[in-house]
Protein backbone atom coordinates (compact mmCIF):
# COMPACT_ATOMS: atom_id res chain seq x y z
CA LYS A 1 -56.54 75.37 42.26
CA ALA A 2 -59.33 73.03 43.85
CA ALA A 3 -61.69 75.28 42.49
CA ALA A 4 -60.69 74.91 39.15
CA GLU A 5 -60.23 71.25 39.27
CA LEU A 6 -63.61 71.21 39.94
CA ALA A 7 -64.84 73.55 37.36
CA ARG A 8 -62.95 71.33 34.98
CA LYS A 9 -64.44 67.86 36.03
CA GLY A 10 -67.72 69.78 36.14
CA GLY A 11 -67.48 71.01 32.01
CA ALA A 12 -66.38 67.45 31.11
CA LEU A 13 -69.40 66.17 32.75
CA ARG A 14 -71.63 68.62 31.22
CA GLN A 15 -70.06 67.60 27.43
CA SER A 16 -70.69 64.02 28.34
CA SER A 17 -73.62 64.44 29.22
CA GLN A 18 -74.30 66.37 25.97
CA ASN A 19 -72.89 63.66 23.86
CA ARG A 20 -74.94 61.16 25.16
CA PHE A 21 -77.93 63.21 24.44
CA ALA A 22 -76.29 63.79 21.15
CA ILE A 23 -76.08 60.05 20.28
CA SER A 24 -79.78 59.39 21.65
CA ALA A 25 -80.93 62.03 19.40
CA LEU A 26 -79.61 60.56 16.48
CA LEU A 27 -80.27 56.76 17.08
CA LEU A 28 -83.84 57.86 17.52
CA ILE A 29 -83.84 59.92 13.89
CA GLY A 30 -82.36 56.42 12.65
CA LEU A 31 -84.97 54.53 13.99
CA ARG A 32 -87.38 56.72 12.75
CA LYS A 33 -86.38 56.61 9.20
CA ALA A 34 -85.70 53.03 9.52
CA PHE A 35 -89.32 52.64 10.89
CA ARG A 36 -90.91 54.71 8.20
CA LYS A 37 -88.96 52.94 5.08
CA ALA A 38 -90.21 49.33 6.46
CA SER A 39 -93.81 50.77 6.83
CA LEU A 40 -93.22 51.58 3.36
CA LEU A 41 -91.80 49.00 1.73
CA TRP A 42 -94.43 46.84 3.67
CA ILE A 43 -97.10 48.98 1.79
CA ASP A 44 -94.94 48.12 -1.61
CA TRP A 45 -95.44 44.34 -1.23
CA TYR A 46 -99.08 44.82 0.13
CA GLU A 47 -99.56 46.64 -3.04
CA VAL A 48 -97.70 44.19 -5.67
CA MET A 49 -99.44 41.15 -4.10
CA GLN A 50 -103.08 42.22 -3.44
CA LEU A 51 -104.11 43.73 -6.89
CA THR A 52 -107.70 45.08 -7.96
CA GLY A 53 -108.55 46.16 -11.60
CA THR A 54 -111.22 46.04 -14.77
CA ALA A 55 -110.64 43.07 -17.09
CA ILE A 56 -109.43 43.85 -20.40
CA LYS A 57 -110.00 40.55 -21.99
CA TYR A 58 -108.13 39.02 -25.19
CA GLY A 59 -108.40 35.67 -26.99
CA ARG A 60 -105.36 32.92 -27.21
CA ASP A 61 -101.80 33.32 -28.89
CA VAL A 62 -101.70 36.67 -28.45
CA ASP A 63 -97.89 36.84 -29.76
CA THR A 64 -94.92 39.68 -28.41
CA ASP A 65 -95.59 41.82 -31.65
CA ALA A 66 -98.78 42.34 -31.12
CA ILE A 67 -98.05 43.32 -27.27
CA ILE A 68 -95.70 46.06 -28.89
CA ALA A 69 -95.16 46.05 -32.47
CA ALA A 70 -91.13 45.77 -33.71
CA ARG A 71 -91.38 48.83 -35.50
CA TYR A 72 -91.14 50.73 -32.27
CA LEU A 73 -88.26 48.81 -30.79
CA ASN A 74 -86.22 51.41 -31.84
CA SER A 75 -86.53 53.08 -28.68
CA SER A 76 -85.81 51.56 -25.34
CA ASP A 77 -87.84 54.20 -23.19
CA MET A 78 -90.81 51.95 -21.85
CA ASP A 79 -92.89 55.25 -21.17
CA GLU A 80 -92.77 55.92 -24.63
CA LEU A 81 -93.49 51.59 -25.86
CA ALA A 82 -96.25 52.04 -23.48
CA LEU A 83 -98.27 54.82 -26.09
CA HIS A 84 -98.13 51.55 -28.61
CA CYS A 85 -98.91 48.75 -26.58
CA MET A 86 -101.50 46.56 -27.96
CA GLU A 87 -101.46 48.78 -31.07
CA ASP A 88 -102.34 46.41 -33.84
CA LEU A 89 -104.06 43.86 -31.69
CA ASP A 90 -106.32 46.63 -30.23
CA PRO A 91 -106.12 50.10 -31.25
CA THR A 92 -108.41 51.48 -28.13
CA PHE A 93 -106.17 49.83 -25.37
CA THR A 94 -104.15 53.11 -24.76
CA GLN A 95 -107.23 54.91 -24.54
CA ARG A 96 -109.10 53.09 -22.35
CA VAL A 97 -106.45 51.10 -19.89
CA LYS A 98 -106.30 52.34 -16.34
CA PRO A 99 -103.32 52.17 -13.79
CA GLY A 100 -104.04 48.88 -11.78
CA ASP A 101 -106.25 47.30 -15.39
CA ILE A 102 -105.72 43.11 -15.40
CA ILE A 103 -105.47 41.53 -18.65
CA VAL A 104 -107.75 38.17 -18.84
CA ALA A 105 -106.44 36.03 -21.96
CA GLY A 106 -106.45 32.84 -23.36
CA GLU A 107 -103.86 30.63 -23.92
CA ASN A 108 -100.16 30.58 -24.72
CA PHE A 109 -99.99 34.63 -24.32
CA GLY A 110 -96.91 35.99 -25.24
CA CYS A 111 -95.95 33.64 -27.85
CA GLY A 112 -93.16 34.39 -30.37
CA SER A 113 -90.16 36.40 -29.57
CA SER A 114 -87.87 36.41 -26.66
CA ARG A 115 -87.62 40.12 -25.89
CA GLU A 116 -88.23 41.28 -22.42
CA HIS A 117 -90.07 44.29 -24.20
CA ALA A 118 -93.27 42.91 -24.06
CA PRO A 119 -93.99 42.47 -20.53
CA SER A 120 -92.19 45.52 -19.81
CA CYS A 121 -94.34 47.55 -22.68
CA ILE A 122 -97.45 46.06 -20.08
CA LYS A 123 -96.39 46.88 -16.85
CA ALA A 124 -95.68 50.39 -18.19
CA ALA A 125 -98.98 50.72 -19.69
CA GLY A 126 -100.46 50.68 -16.00
CA ILE A 127 -101.34 46.65 -15.79
CA SER A 128 -100.75 45.25 -12.90
CA CYS A 129 -101.45 41.83 -13.46
CA VAL A 130 -101.97 39.39 -16.65
CA ILE A 131 -104.28 36.45 -15.66
CA ALA A 132 -104.21 33.74 -18.88
CA LYS A 133 -105.04 30.06 -19.30
CA SER A 134 -101.23 29.45 -20.61
CA PHE A 135 -98.03 31.41 -20.82
CA ALA A 136 -95.31 30.97 -23.54
CA ARG A 137 -92.58 29.98 -21.60
CA ILE A 138 -90.13 32.87 -22.20
CA PHE A 139 -92.44 35.20 -21.85
CA TYR A 140 -93.37 33.96 -18.18
CA ARG A 141 -89.57 33.75 -16.82
CA ASN A 142 -89.67 37.44 -18.81
CA ALA A 143 -92.72 38.92 -16.99
CA ILE A 144 -91.21 37.95 -13.52
CA ASN A 145 -87.70 39.10 -14.30
CA VAL A 146 -89.61 42.92 -15.09
CA GLY A 147 -92.01 42.32 -12.26
CA LEU A 148 -94.70 41.55 -13.86
CA PRO A 149 -97.27 39.32 -11.64
CA ILE A 150 -99.20 36.77 -14.05
CA ILE A 151 -101.15 34.02 -13.00
CA GLU A 152 -102.08 30.61 -14.96
CA CYS A 153 -105.77 30.02 -14.38
CA PRO A 154 -108.04 28.72 -17.10
CA GLU A 155 -111.31 28.49 -15.31
CA ALA A 156 -111.14 31.79 -13.56
CA VAL A 157 -110.14 33.01 -17.69
CA ASP A 158 -113.20 31.18 -19.00
CA CYS A 159 -115.53 33.29 -16.25
CA ILE A 160 -114.17 36.72 -16.21
CA GLU A 161 -115.77 38.76 -18.77
CA GLU A 162 -114.58 42.23 -20.06
CA GLY A 163 -114.76 44.98 -17.97
CA ASP A 164 -115.26 43.07 -14.70
CA ALA A 165 -114.10 43.95 -11.53
CA VAL A 166 -111.12 41.55 -10.84
CA PHE A 167 -108.81 41.30 -7.64
CA ALA A 168 -106.17 38.81 -7.21
CA ASP A 169 -103.51 37.94 -4.19
CA THR A 170 -100.39 36.35 -5.69
CA SER A 171 -99.18 35.86 -2.58
CA THR A 172 -102.03 33.17 -1.68
CA GLY A 173 -103.26 32.46 -5.23
CA VAL A 174 -106.46 33.60 -4.90
CA ILE A 175 -108.62 35.24 -7.73
CA GLU A 176 -111.78 36.71 -7.44
CA ASP A 177 -114.34 38.49 -10.16
CA LEU A 178 -115.69 41.21 -7.89
CA THR A 179 -118.80 41.75 -10.51
CA THR A 180 -120.34 38.28 -10.08
CA GLY A 181 -118.38 37.05 -6.77
CA GLU A 182 -117.21 34.10 -8.43
CA SER A 183 -113.55 32.73 -7.23
CA TRP A 184 -110.80 30.65 -7.58
CA GLU A 185 -107.92 29.46 -6.00
CA VAL A 186 -104.51 28.44 -7.80
CA ARG A 187 -100.97 27.72 -6.68
CA PRO A 188 -99.18 30.73 -5.03
CA PHE A 189 -95.88 32.17 -6.24
CA GLU A 190 -92.38 30.64 -5.00
CA PRO A 191 -91.34 32.50 -2.49
CA PHE A 192 -88.32 33.46 -4.75
CA ILE A 193 -90.33 34.71 -7.24
CA GLN A 194 -92.73 36.51 -5.01
CA GLU A 195 -89.29 38.12 -4.04
CA ILE A 196 -88.36 39.10 -7.39
CA VAL A 197 -91.99 40.41 -8.08
CA GLU A 198 -92.03 42.57 -4.85
CA ALA A 199 -88.97 44.17 -5.46
CA GLY A 200 -89.92 45.29 -9.32
CA GLY A 201 -87.77 42.82 -10.77
CA LEU A 202 -84.64 40.41 -11.20
CA VAL A 203 -82.20 43.26 -11.07
CA ALA A 204 -84.07 45.07 -8.48
CA ARG A 205 -84.03 42.19 -5.97
CA THR A 206 -80.42 41.72 -7.35
CA LYS A 207 -78.98 45.41 -6.14
CA MET A 208 -81.07 45.12 -3.10
CA HIS A 209 -79.23 41.90 -1.73
CA ARG A 210 -75.67 43.14 -2.88
């Protein structure tokens, strides 16, 4: 009887040890997954805030219809619309744009209608950032809402030429023409705007904080 009791207690101890080991293993796996997710989020943040690309330059008053013509708006597929981005203003745009390229433009970029297709289309085409002398107010808000980084800097626009390599850090407000070595500094995004852009847009940020 005593031997049976000892065996029972021994089995319980072994089961308890196995349970503790299983719990520890699950916690370790969970920590590893959390660490990997945090690392990926940091990489995404770095890529959003630190931008380098070739300048594609335009003049002033580039309106939303020039960015994406109204005749294509029967589709909401951004990949499809990106094929027609800047088509009427610059028929060569989609042939030469590369992921990460940066649009540099004059005053009042994005004037015209209030549709969000314009900044969404630019982003889908691969443009990482738009630097302009000024933006139409609704376009500015829409660009942030869809997660497209935008920077106002008239001095940079005056100096950057078509084809120059450009670096922009939206977290610090630093812009650099890597071709000429010139640099400029503007006021960076406010933290809440940075959060929206980092998340990929207002809808994505809202889902993250539910």
